[in-house]
PDB file of N, CA and C in Angstrom:
ATOM      1  N   MET A   1     125.191  74.028 104.845  1.00  0.00           N
ATOM      2  CA  MET A   1     124.061  74.973 105.303  1.00  0.00           C
ATOM      3  C   MET A   1     124.150  76.188 105.109  1.00  0.00           C
ATOM      4  N   ALA A   2     125.474  76.762 105.269  1.00  0.00           N
ATOM      5  CA  ALA A   2     125.643  78.256 105.153  1.00  0.00           C
ATOM      6  C   ALA A   2     125.561  78.465 103.609  1.00  0.00           C
ATOM      7  N   VAL A   3     125.758  77.649 102.790  1.00  0.00           N
ATOM      8  CA  VAL A   3     125.674  77.948 101.363  1.00  0.00           C
ATOM      9  C   VAL A   3     124.232  78.189 100.960  1.00  0.00           C
ATOM     10  N   LEU A   4     123.300  77.133 101.398  1.00  0.00           N
ATOM     11  CA  LEU A   4     122.068  77.326 101.424  1.00  0.00           C
ATOM     12  C   LEU A   4     121.337  78.637 101.933  1.00  0.00           C
ATOM     13  N   ALA A   5     121.939  78.946 103.141  1.00  0.00           N
ATOM     14  CA  ALA A   5     121.336  80.511 103.701  1.00  0.00           C
ATOM     15  C   ALA A   5     121.553  81.381 102.907  1.00  0.00           C
ATOM     16  N   VAL A   6     122.734  81.377 101.973  1.00  0.00           N
ATOM     17  CA  VAL A   6     122.745  82.515 101.042  1.00  0.00           C
ATOM     18  C   VAL A   6     122.310  82.410  99.605  1.00  0.00           C
ATOM     19  N   LEU A   7     122.025  81.079  99.174  1.00  0.00           N
ATOM     20  CA  LEU A   7     121.633  80.737  97.687  1.00  0.00           C
ATOM     21  C   LEU A   7     120.311  80.827  97.732  1.00  0.00           C
ATOM     22  N   ILE A   8     119.629  80.253  98.878  1.00  0.00           N
ATOM     23  CA  ILE A   8     118.061  80.266  98.542  1.00  0.00           C
ATOM     24  C   ILE A   8     117.471  81.874  98.697  1.00  0.00           C
ATOM     25  N   PRO A   9     117.710  82.872  99.580  1.00  0.00           N
ATOM     26  CA  PRO A   9     117.321  84.135  99.408  1.00  0.00           C
ATOM     27  C   PRO A   9     117.738  84.839  97.989  1.00  0.00           C
ATOM     28  N   SER A  10     118.820  84.495  97.682  1.00  0.00           N
ATOM     29  CA  SER A  10     119.438  84.976  96.303  1.00  0.00           C
ATOM     30  C   SER A  10     118.502  84.669  95.117  1.00  0.00           C
ATOM     31  N   LEU A  11     118.193  83.426  95.035  1.00  0.00           N
ATOM     32  CA  LEU A  11     117.472  82.882  94.108  1.00  0.00           C
ATOM     33  C   LEU A  11     116.047  83.408  94.144  1.00  0.00           C
ATOM     34  N   MET A  12     115.594  83.580  95.270  1.00  0.00           N
ATOM     35  CA  MET A  12     114.167  84.193  95.403  1.00  0.00           C
ATOM     36  C   MET A  12     113.985  85.397  95.019  1.00  0.00           C
ATOM     37  N   LEU A  13     115.165  86.361  95.413  1.00  0.00           N
ATOM     38  CA  LEU A  13     115.147  87.791  94.695  1.00  0.00           C
ATOM     39  C   LEU A  13     115.321  87.552  93.292  1.00  0.00           C
ATOM     40  N   GLY A  14     116.148  86.831  92.739  1.00  0.00           N
ATOM     41  CA  GLY A  14     116.237  86.707  91.418  1.00  0.00           C
ATOM     42  C   GLY A  14     114.999  86.380  90.443  1.00  0.00           C
ATOM     43  N   VAL A  15     114.032  85.310  91.220  1.00  0.00           N
ATOM     44  CA  VAL A  15     112.864  85.002  90.694  1.00  0.00           C
ATOM     45  C   VAL A  15     111.664  86.069  90.782  1.00  0.00           C
ATOM     46  N   ILE A  16     111.811  87.009  91.776  1.00  0.00           N
ATOM     47  CA  ILE A  16     110.765  87.736  91.933  1.00  0.00           C
ATOM     48  C   ILE A  16     111.222  89.006  90.892  1.00  0.00           C
ATOM     49  N   LEU A  17     112.593  89.428  90.587  1.00  0.00           N
ATOM     50  CA  LEU A  17     112.877  90.359  89.690  1.00  0.00           C
ATOM     51  C   LEU A  17     112.723  90.160  88.378  1.00  0.00           C
ATOM     52  N   MET A  18     112.679  88.755  87.981  1.00  0.00           N
ATOM     53  CA  MET A  18     112.299  88.201  86.620  1.00  0.00           C
ATOM     54  C   MET A  18     111.029  88.331  86.559  1.00  0.00           C
ATOM     55  N   LEU A  19     110.071  88.024  87.217  1.00  0.00           N
ATOM     56  CA  LEU A  19     108.618  88.330  87.358  1.00  0.00           C
ATOM     57  C   LEU A  19     108.226  89.676  87.000  1.00  0.00           C
ATOM     58  N   GLY A  20     108.833  90.496  87.541  1.00  0.00           N
ATOM     59  CA  GLY A  20     108.661  91.777  87.382  1.00  0.00           C
ATOM     60  C   GLY A  20     108.901  92.353  86.146  1.00  0.00           C
ATOM     61  N   ARG A  21     110.097  91.628  85.411  1.00  0.00           N
ATOM     62  CA  ARG A  21     110.249  92.041  83.984  1.00  0.00           C
ATOM     63  C   ARG A  21     109.433  91.387  83.209  1.00  0.00           C
ATOM     64  N   TYR A  22     108.828  90.166  83.590  1.00  0.00           N
ATOM     65  CA  TYR A  22     108.344  89.660  82.490  1.00  0.00           C
ATOM     66  C   TYR A  22     106.713  90.138  82.606  1.00  0.00           C
ATOM     67  N   GLU A  23     106.287  90.696  83.661  1.00  0.00           N
ATOM     68  CA  GLU A  23     105.004  91.394  83.741  1.00  0.00           C
ATOM     69  C   GLU A  23     105.018  92.710  82.802  1.00  0.00           C
ATOM     70  N   ASP A  24     106.178  93.359  82.982  1.00  0.00           N
ATOM     71  CA  ASP A  24     106.245  94.712  81.913  1.00  0.00           C
ATOM     72  C   ASP A  24     106.359  94.393  80.373  1.00  0.00           C
ATOM     73  N   LEU A  25     106.708  93.220  80.088  1.00  0.00           N
ATOM     74  CA  LEU A  25     106.738  92.833  78.659  1.00  0.00           C
ATOM     75  C   LEU A  25     105.442  92.086  78.302  1.00  0.00           C
ATOM     76  N   VAL A  26     104.716  91.528  79.146  1.00  0.00           N
ATOM     77  CA  VAL A  26     103.471  90.909  78.600  1.00  0.00           C
ATOM     78  C   VAL A  26     102.372  91.681  78.734  1.00  0.00           C
ATOM     79  N   LEU A  27     102.276  92.652  79.875  1.00  0.00           N
ATOM     80  CA  LEU A  27     101.031  93.343  79.965  1.00  0.00           C
ATOM     81  C   LEU A  27     101.075  94.905  79.052  1.00  0.00           C
ATOM     82  N   PRO A  28     100.060  95.235  78.367  1.00  0.00           N
ATOM     83  CA  PRO A  28      99.895  96.154  77.738  1.00  0.00           C
ATOM     84  C   PRO A  28     100.384  97.605  78.357  1.00  0.00           C
ATOM     85  N   PRO A  29     100.734  98.599  77.868  1.00  0.00           N
ATOM     86  CA  PRO A  29     101.089  99.944  78.606  1.00  0.00           C
ATOM     87  C   PRO A  29      99.637 100.526  79.132  1.00  0.00           C
ATOM     88  N   ALA A  30      99.940 100.988  80.367  1.00  0.00           N
ATOM     89  CA  ALA A  30      98.573 101.831  80.941  1.00  0.00           C
ATOM     90  C   ALA A  30      98.247 103.039  79.953  1.00  0.00           C
ATOM     91  N   PRO A  31      96.973 103.115  80.026  1.00  0.00           N
ATOM     92  CA  PRO A  31      96.482 104.352  79.082  1.00  0.00           C
ATOM     93  C   PRO A  31      97.016 105.629  79.892  1.00  0.00           C
ATOM     94  N   PRO A  32      97.401 106.699  78.960  1.00  0.00           N
ATOM     95  CA  PRO A  32      97.682 108.038  79.740  1.00  0.00           C
ATOM     96  C   PRO A  32      96.255 108.524  80.679  1.00  0.00           C
ATOM     97  N   GLU A  33      96.582 109.240  81.753  1.00  0.00           N
ATOM     98  CA  GLU A  33      95.525 109.758  82.571  1.00  0.00           C
ATOM     99  C   GLU A  33      94.652 110.992  81.677  1.00  0.00           C
ATOM    100  N   ALA A  34      93.618 111.143  82.047  1.00  0.00           N
ATOM    101  CA  ALA A  34      92.822 112.094  81.484  1.00  0.00           C
ATOM    102  C   ALA A  34      93.252 113.466  81.789  1.00  0.00           C
ATOM    103  N   ASP A  35      93.552 113.595  83.048  1.00  0.00           N
ATOM    104  CA  ASP A  35      93.715 114.986  83.747  1.00  0.00           C
ATOM    105  C   ASP A  35      95.139 114.844  84.528  1.00  0.00           C
ATOM    106  N   PRO A  36      95.800 115.888  84.555  1.00  0.00           N
ATOM    107  CA  PRO A  36      97.228 115.866  85.192  1.00  0.00           C
ATOM    108  C   PRO A  36      97.114 115.715  86.718  1.00  0.00           C
ATOM    109  N   PRO A  37      98.096 114.876  87.671  1.00  0.00           N
ATOM    110  CA  PRO A  37      97.735 114.874  88.844  1.00  0.00           C
ATOM    111  C   PRO A  37      97.455 116.384  89.592  1.00  0.00           C
ATOM    112  N   GLU A  38      98.027 117.389  89.148  1.00  0.00           N
ATOM    113  CA  GLU A  38      97.910 118.621  89.936  1.00  0.00           C
ATOM    114  C   GLU A  38      96.357 119.211  89.941  1.00  0.00           C
ATOM    115  N   ALA A  39      95.791 118.815  88.549  1.00  0.00           N
ATOM    116  CA  ALA A  39      94.388 119.280  88.446  1.00  0.00           C
ATOM    117  C   ALA A  39      93.477 118.366  89.535  1.00  0.00           C
ATOM    118  N   ARG A  40      93.857 117.202  89.944  1.00  0.00           N
ATOM    119  CA  ARG A  40      93.072 116.348  90.935  1.00  0.00           C
ATOM    120  C   ARG A  40      93.053 117.074  92.498  1.00  0.00           C
ATOM    121  N   LEU A  41      94.254 117.695  92.396  1.00  0.00           N
ATOM    122  CA  LEU A  41      94.494 118.285  93.881  1.00  0.00           C
ATOM    123  C   LEU A  41      93.389 119.521  94.224  1.00  0.00           C
ATOM    124  N   GLY A  42      92.804 120.188  93.086  1.00  0.00           N
ATOM    125  CA  GLY A  42      92.212 121.340  93.406  1.00  0.00           C
ATOM    126  C   GLY A  42      93.001 122.441  94.225  1.00  0.00           C
ATOM    127  N   SER A  43      92.272 123.095  95.202  1.00  0.00           N
ATOM    128  CA  SER A  43      92.658 124.226  96.020  1.00  0.00           C
ATOM    129  C   SER A  43      93.775 123.522  96.860  1.00  0.00           C
ATOM    130  N   LEU A  44      93.992 122.463  97.131  1.00  0.00           N
ATOM    131  CA  LEU A  44      94.962 121.864  98.155  1.00  0.00           C
ATOM    132  C   LEU A  44      96.517 121.916  97.796  1.00  0.00           C
ATOM    133  N   GLY A  45      96.468 121.767  96.154  1.00  0.00           N
ATOM    134  CA  GLY A  45      97.736 122.118  95.640  1.00  0.00           C
ATOM    135  C   GLY A  45      98.496 123.307  95.754  1.00  0.00           C
ATOM    136  N   ARG A  46      97.491 124.317  95.908  1.00  0.00           N
ATOM    137  CA  ARG A  46      97.897 125.986  95.816  1.00  0.00           C
ATOM    138  C   ARG A  46      98.413 126.555  96.829  1.00  0.00           C
TER     139      ARG A  46
END
C-alpha cells in the first residue's frame, strides 16, 4: 500500500508533464502581440 501511495502521484505528475510537452509540440506558436505590454499600461506604468 505504501508503494501505491508513492507510485500513483508520481505517475500522475509524469502524465501531466508529458501532456504539457505534447501540447507545446502540437499547437502552433502564438502570434506575436501587436503592441508591447508597456504600451498597454499607458500612464499607469510611468
